[in-house]
Protein backbone atom coordinates (compact mmCIF):
# COMPACT_ATOMS: atom_id res chain seq x y z
CA MET A 1 45.25 -50.61 33.50
CA ILE A 2 47.51 -50.44 36.55
CA SER A 3 51.00 -51.72 35.81
CA GLU A 4 52.64 -54.47 37.85
CA PRO A 5 53.19 -53.20 41.39
CA GLU A 6 56.67 -51.98 42.28
CA LEU A 7 58.37 -52.88 45.54
CA VAL A 8 58.63 -50.16 48.17
CA GLY A 9 60.48 -50.22 51.45
CA GLU A 10 63.49 -52.23 50.21
CA ASP A 11 67.08 -51.10 49.63
CA GLY A 12 68.23 -51.81 46.11
CA PRO A 13 66.73 -54.01 43.42
CA GLY A 14 65.41 -57.46 44.15
CA LEU A 15 63.11 -60.14 42.87
CA SER A 16 59.58 -60.33 44.16
CA SER A 17 58.60 -63.59 45.80
CA GLU A 18 55.56 -63.50 43.52
CA VAL A 19 57.69 -63.99 40.39
CA VAL A 20 57.99 -67.63 39.40
CA SER A 21 60.09 -68.56 36.35
CA GLY A 22 58.76 -71.09 33.86
CA PHE A 23 60.26 -73.01 30.97
CA ASP A 24 59.49 -73.59 27.31
CA SER A 25 59.10 -77.02 25.80
CA GLU A 26 62.12 -78.18 23.81
CA GLN A 27 62.15 -78.06 20.03
CA GLY A 28 63.96 -80.11 17.34
CA PRO A 29 65.32 -83.68 17.18
CA ALA A 30 64.99 -84.28 20.90
CA ALA A 31 61.24 -84.70 20.48
CA GLY A 32 61.56 -88.49 20.26
CA ARG A 33 63.45 -88.61 23.53
CA ARG A 34 60.77 -86.44 25.12
CA ARG A 35 58.08 -88.98 24.12
CA ARG A 36 60.03 -91.80 25.80
CA HIS A 37 60.27 -89.83 29.03
CA ARG A 38 56.78 -88.34 28.96
CA VAL A 39 55.42 -90.65 31.66
CA LEU A 40 58.42 -90.01 33.90
CA TRP A 41 58.13 -86.24 33.49
CA GLY A 42 54.36 -86.44 33.98
CA GLY A 43 54.79 -88.16 37.32
CA ALA A 44 57.49 -85.73 38.38
CA GLY A 45 55.32 -82.81 37.33
CA ALA A 46 52.40 -84.08 39.39
CA LEU A 47 54.68 -84.51 42.39
CA ALA A 48 56.08 -80.99 41.94
CA ALA A 49 52.59 -79.55 41.58
CA SER A 50 51.54 -81.27 44.79
CA ALA A 51 54.56 -79.81 46.59
CA VAL A 52 53.78 -76.31 45.30
CA TRP A 53 50.14 -76.65 46.37
CA ALA A 54 51.16 -77.85 49.82
CA ALA A 55 53.55 -74.92 50.17
CA ALA A 56 50.81 -72.52 49.14
CA VAL A 57 48.32 -74.03 51.56
CA PHE A 58 50.59 -73.87 54.57
CA GLY A 59 52.46 -70.73 53.49
CA TYR A 60 49.31 -68.68 53.07
CA GLY A 61 47.50 -69.97 56.12
CA ILE A 62 44.81 -72.23 54.66
CA GLY A 63 43.99 -75.15 56.91
CA GLY A 64 43.04 -78.67 55.93
CA ASP A 65 39.36 -77.71 56.18
CA GLY A 66 39.88 -74.96 53.59
CA LYS A 67 39.33 -72.17 56.12
CA PRO A 68 41.90 -69.38 56.48
CA ASP A 69 44.12 -69.20 59.55
CA SER A 70 43.11 -66.35 61.86
CA ARG A 71 46.81 -65.88 62.79
CA GLY A 72 45.66 -64.76 66.22
CA TYR A 73 43.82 -61.66 64.96
CA ARG A 74 40.81 -60.39 66.89
CA VAL A 75 38.36 -58.09 65.13
CA GLU A 76 35.54 -57.04 67.44
CA SER A 77 33.43 -53.96 68.12
CA ASP A 78 36.07 -52.54 70.48
CA SER A 79 39.03 -53.16 68.17
CA CYS A 80 39.27 -49.51 67.06
CA ALA A 81 41.48 -49.04 70.13
CA ALA A 82 44.24 -50.60 68.00
CA MET A 83 44.29 -47.38 65.95
CA GLU A 84 46.90 -45.48 67.98
CA LEU A 85 48.75 -44.11 64.91
CA LYS A 86 51.83 -42.99 66.82
CA ALA A 87 53.99 -42.41 63.74
CA LEU A 88 51.37 -40.32 61.93
CA SER A 89 50.61 -38.37 65.11
CA LYS A 90 54.24 -37.27 65.28
CA ALA A 91 54.24 -36.36 61.60
CA VAL A 92 50.93 -34.55 61.07
CA GLY A 93 49.75 -33.65 64.58
CA ARG A 94 47.92 -35.38 67.39
CA PRO A 95 44.41 -36.81 66.83
CA ALA A 96 41.61 -34.42 67.75
CA ALA A 97 39.68 -37.22 69.49
CA GLU A 98 39.60 -40.96 70.11
CA PRO A 99 38.93 -43.19 67.07
CA ALA A 100 35.28 -43.30 66.07
CA THR A 101 33.65 -46.62 65.15
CA GLY A 102 31.72 -46.74 61.89
CA LEU A 103 28.15 -47.97 61.70
CA ASP A 104 28.78 -50.54 58.95
CA GLY A 105 30.61 -53.10 61.05
CA ILE A 106 29.86 -56.80 60.61
CA GLU A 107 29.86 -59.57 63.19
CA HIS A 108 28.89 -62.75 61.37
CA PRO A 109 30.12 -66.36 61.67
CA ALA A 110 31.82 -65.97 58.26
CA LEU A 111 33.18 -62.42 58.63
CA HIS A 112 34.00 -59.88 61.30
CA ARG A 113 34.62 -56.30 60.10
CA ILE A 114 35.16 -52.94 61.75
CA ARG A 115 35.65 -49.46 60.34
CA CYS A 116 37.31 -46.73 62.40
CA THR A 117 38.12 -43.08 61.71
CA VAL A 118 40.41 -40.48 63.25
CA ASP A 119 40.59 -36.75 62.57
CA PHE A 120 43.87 -35.00 63.29
CA THR A 121 44.21 -31.49 64.66
CA THR A 122 43.37 -28.78 62.11
CA THR A 123 46.14 -26.35 61.12
CA VAL A 124 45.65 -22.82 59.83
CA LEU A 125 47.90 -22.24 56.82
CA ARG A 126 50.20 -19.30 56.29
CA GLY A 127 49.45 -17.17 53.28
CA PRO A 128 51.66 -17.09 50.14
CA ASP A 129 53.33 -13.91 51.41
CA GLY A 130 54.14 -15.48 54.78
CA GLU A 131 51.26 -13.98 56.71
CA GLU A 132 50.34 -16.10 59.69
CA ASP A 133 46.64 -16.50 58.95
CA SER A 134 45.58 -17.04 55.34
CA GLY A 135 42.06 -17.98 56.38
CA TRP A 136 42.60 -21.42 54.89
CA ALA A 137 42.88 -24.50 57.08
CA THR A 138 44.18 -27.98 56.44
CA GLY A 139 43.87 -31.25 58.25
CA TYR A 140 44.32 -35.00 57.95
CA HIS A 141 41.88 -37.85 58.24
CA ALA A 142 42.75 -41.52 58.77
CA SER A 143 40.47 -44.50 58.38
CA LEU A 144 40.95 -48.17 59.22
CA THR A 145 39.07 -51.16 57.87
CA ALA A 146 39.89 -54.51 59.47
CA GLU A 147 38.30 -57.76 58.35
CA LEU A 148 38.67 -61.28 59.67
CA HIS A 149 37.46 -63.90 57.18
CA LYS A 150 36.54 -67.14 58.91
CA GLU A 151 35.21 -69.35 56.11
CA THR A 152 36.90 -68.41 52.82
CA ASP A 153 40.42 -67.39 51.88
CA PRO A 154 40.50 -63.63 51.12
CA ARG A 155 43.79 -63.71 49.23
CA PRO A 156 42.48 -64.29 45.64
CA GLU A 157 40.10 -61.35 45.90
CA PHE A 158 42.81 -59.28 47.58
CA GLU A 159 45.27 -59.97 44.76
CA ALA A 160 42.64 -59.06 42.18
CA SER A 161 42.06 -55.71 43.89
CA SER A 162 45.65 -54.70 43.13
CA THR A 163 44.64 -54.30 39.47
CA LEU A 164 41.83 -51.82 40.17
CA THR A 165 42.02 -48.51 38.33
CA GLU A 166 39.35 -46.87 40.52
CA VAL A 167 38.28 -47.21 44.15
CA ASP A 168 35.01 -45.66 45.34
CA GLY A 169 34.96 -43.31 42.37
CA THR A 170 38.57 -42.13 42.78
CA GLY A 171 41.21 -43.10 40.25
CA VAL A 172 44.25 -45.12 41.32
CA ASP A 173 47.45 -43.30 40.41
CA ARG A 174 49.79 -46.20 41.17
CA VAL A 175 50.20 -49.39 43.21
CA GLU A 176 53.42 -50.40 44.96
CA ARG A 177 54.35 -53.62 46.75
CA VAL A 178 55.26 -53.30 50.43
CA PRO A 179 57.69 -56.08 51.42
CA ASP A 180 57.79 -57.92 54.75
CA LEU A 181 54.26 -57.01 55.78
CA GLY A 182 51.72 -59.80 56.22
CA ASP A 183 51.39 -62.35 53.42
CA LEU A 184 50.99 -59.63 50.80
CA ALA A 185 50.76 -55.85 51.06
CA TYR A 186 50.26 -52.93 48.67
CA LEU A 187 50.52 -49.17 48.93
CA LEU A 188 47.86 -47.46 46.81
CA VAL A 189 48.38 -43.84 45.80
CA MET A 190 45.14 -42.25 44.65
CA GLU A 191 44.55 -39.41 42.21
CA ASP A 192 43.17 -37.28 45.06
CA GLU A 193 46.58 -37.78 46.78
CA SER A 194 45.22 -40.00 49.54
CA MET A 195 47.22 -43.14 50.34
CA SER A 196 46.24 -46.58 51.58
CA VAL A 197 48.23 -49.54 52.81
CA ARG A 198 46.32 -52.77 52.19
CA VAL A 199 47.48 -56.05 53.75
CA VAL A 200 46.29 -59.64 53.76
CA ASP A 201 47.64 -61.94 56.49
CA GLY A 202 45.98 -65.35 56.72
CA GLY A 203 42.28 -64.59 57.10
CA ALA A 204 42.84 -60.95 58.08
CA VAL A 205 42.62 -58.02 55.66
CA VAL A 206 43.69 -54.62 56.99
CA THR A 207 43.48 -51.29 55.16
CA LEU A 208 44.80 -48.04 56.65
CA THR A 209 44.16 -44.84 54.68
CA LEU A 210 45.46 -41.30 55.12
CA ALA A 211 43.81 -38.36 53.35
CA SER A 212 44.17 -34.58 53.61
CA TRP A 213 41.69 -31.76 53.14
CA MET A 214 41.75 -27.98 52.74
CA SER A 215 39.02 -25.58 53.80
CA PRO A 216 38.63 -21.97 52.58
CA PRO A 217 37.69 -18.98 54.75
CA ASP A 218 33.96 -18.76 55.48
CA MET A 219 33.54 -15.76 53.21
CA ASP A 220 35.16 -17.60 50.29
CA GLN A 221 33.14 -20.82 50.34
CA GLY A 222 32.46 -20.45 46.61
CA ARG A 223 36.13 -20.19 45.76
CA ALA A 224 37.31 -22.85 43.28
CA GLY A 225 40.64 -23.48 44.98
CA PRO A 226 43.37 -22.03 47.20
CA PRO A 227 45.36 -18.99 46.03
CA ASP A 228 48.67 -19.45 44.24
CA GLY A 229 51.39 -20.51 46.62
CA LEU A 230 49.00 -22.25 48.99
CA ASP A 231 49.19 -25.93 48.09
CA ARG A 232 47.68 -29.11 49.44
CA PRO A 233 50.10 -30.97 51.77
CA GLU A 234 52.49 -33.42 50.12
CA MET A 235 51.10 -36.82 51.14
CA LEU A 236 53.96 -39.02 49.97
CA ALA A 237 56.11 -37.54 52.70
CA TYR A 238 54.09 -39.67 55.15
CA ARG A 239 54.35 -42.96 53.28
CA ALA A 240 56.80 -44.53 55.76
CA ASP A 241 54.66 -43.35 58.70
CA LEU A 242 51.55 -44.92 57.18
CA ILE A 243 53.34 -48.25 56.67
CA SER A 244 54.75 -48.15 60.21
CA ASP A 245 51.32 -47.48 61.73
CA THR A 246 49.75 -50.26 59.64
CA ARG A 247 52.30 -52.68 61.10
CA ALA A 248 51.50 -51.42 64.62
CA VAL A 249 47.73 -51.76 64.06
CA MET A 250 48.16 -55.37 62.91
CA LYS A 251 50.21 -56.17 65.99
CA ALA A 252 47.60 -54.54 68.26
CA LEU A 253 44.78 -56.50 66.61
CA LYS A 254 46.60 -59.68 67.64
CA THR A 255 47.14 -58.67 71.24
CA GLY A 256 43.95 -56.64 71.82
């Protein structure tokens, strides 16, 4: 089971806005007094509950008709242009080509969805002894999924996904909260060292994923893994870049 997500991207400790303190019922001789004030407290509790519900409705972008607020997002077949990835391009190398649009997009009255992919320039790795060409190559691959829910609020399902221990057959190593991004955002670190930032903002759900790969020399295709001293790139070094590009993608989806 994945533990409660930690906050990332904040300086110093703080309380998550998701944490709401409760109270225990009183015990002992005051029980009689509680009975006399039960009706009063019941009415106050109902009023408080109504206020909390109203705050949730307007705070999380659910309109009076029960439909989520689009927040100005546009998710169409040409929306992959929002995937500029300027921060990652500076960190891992420029994209090898323009973003490619996946074939499993949806354009339905209840849901619009696009999937986009970008491959970054391949790099030939130095060997363990410092030789320029080890024969092994490495590269990075980014993928974007953007959804705009028009009929139902995606937040409950989004929150439930933060407890997943496996995504598409790959184990989830840990989940961290990302503050100040959409209504709710998580960074998922997978066991294969890929990372995803997942955000819900009104009716929009955006997921940006960065993964790396290594390829052996042609003559060593049957090799189990790279030689000692030749390691897979450290993905966590690009966590801030992935979050920054997710923020930029969300902004572009609003203005595109």
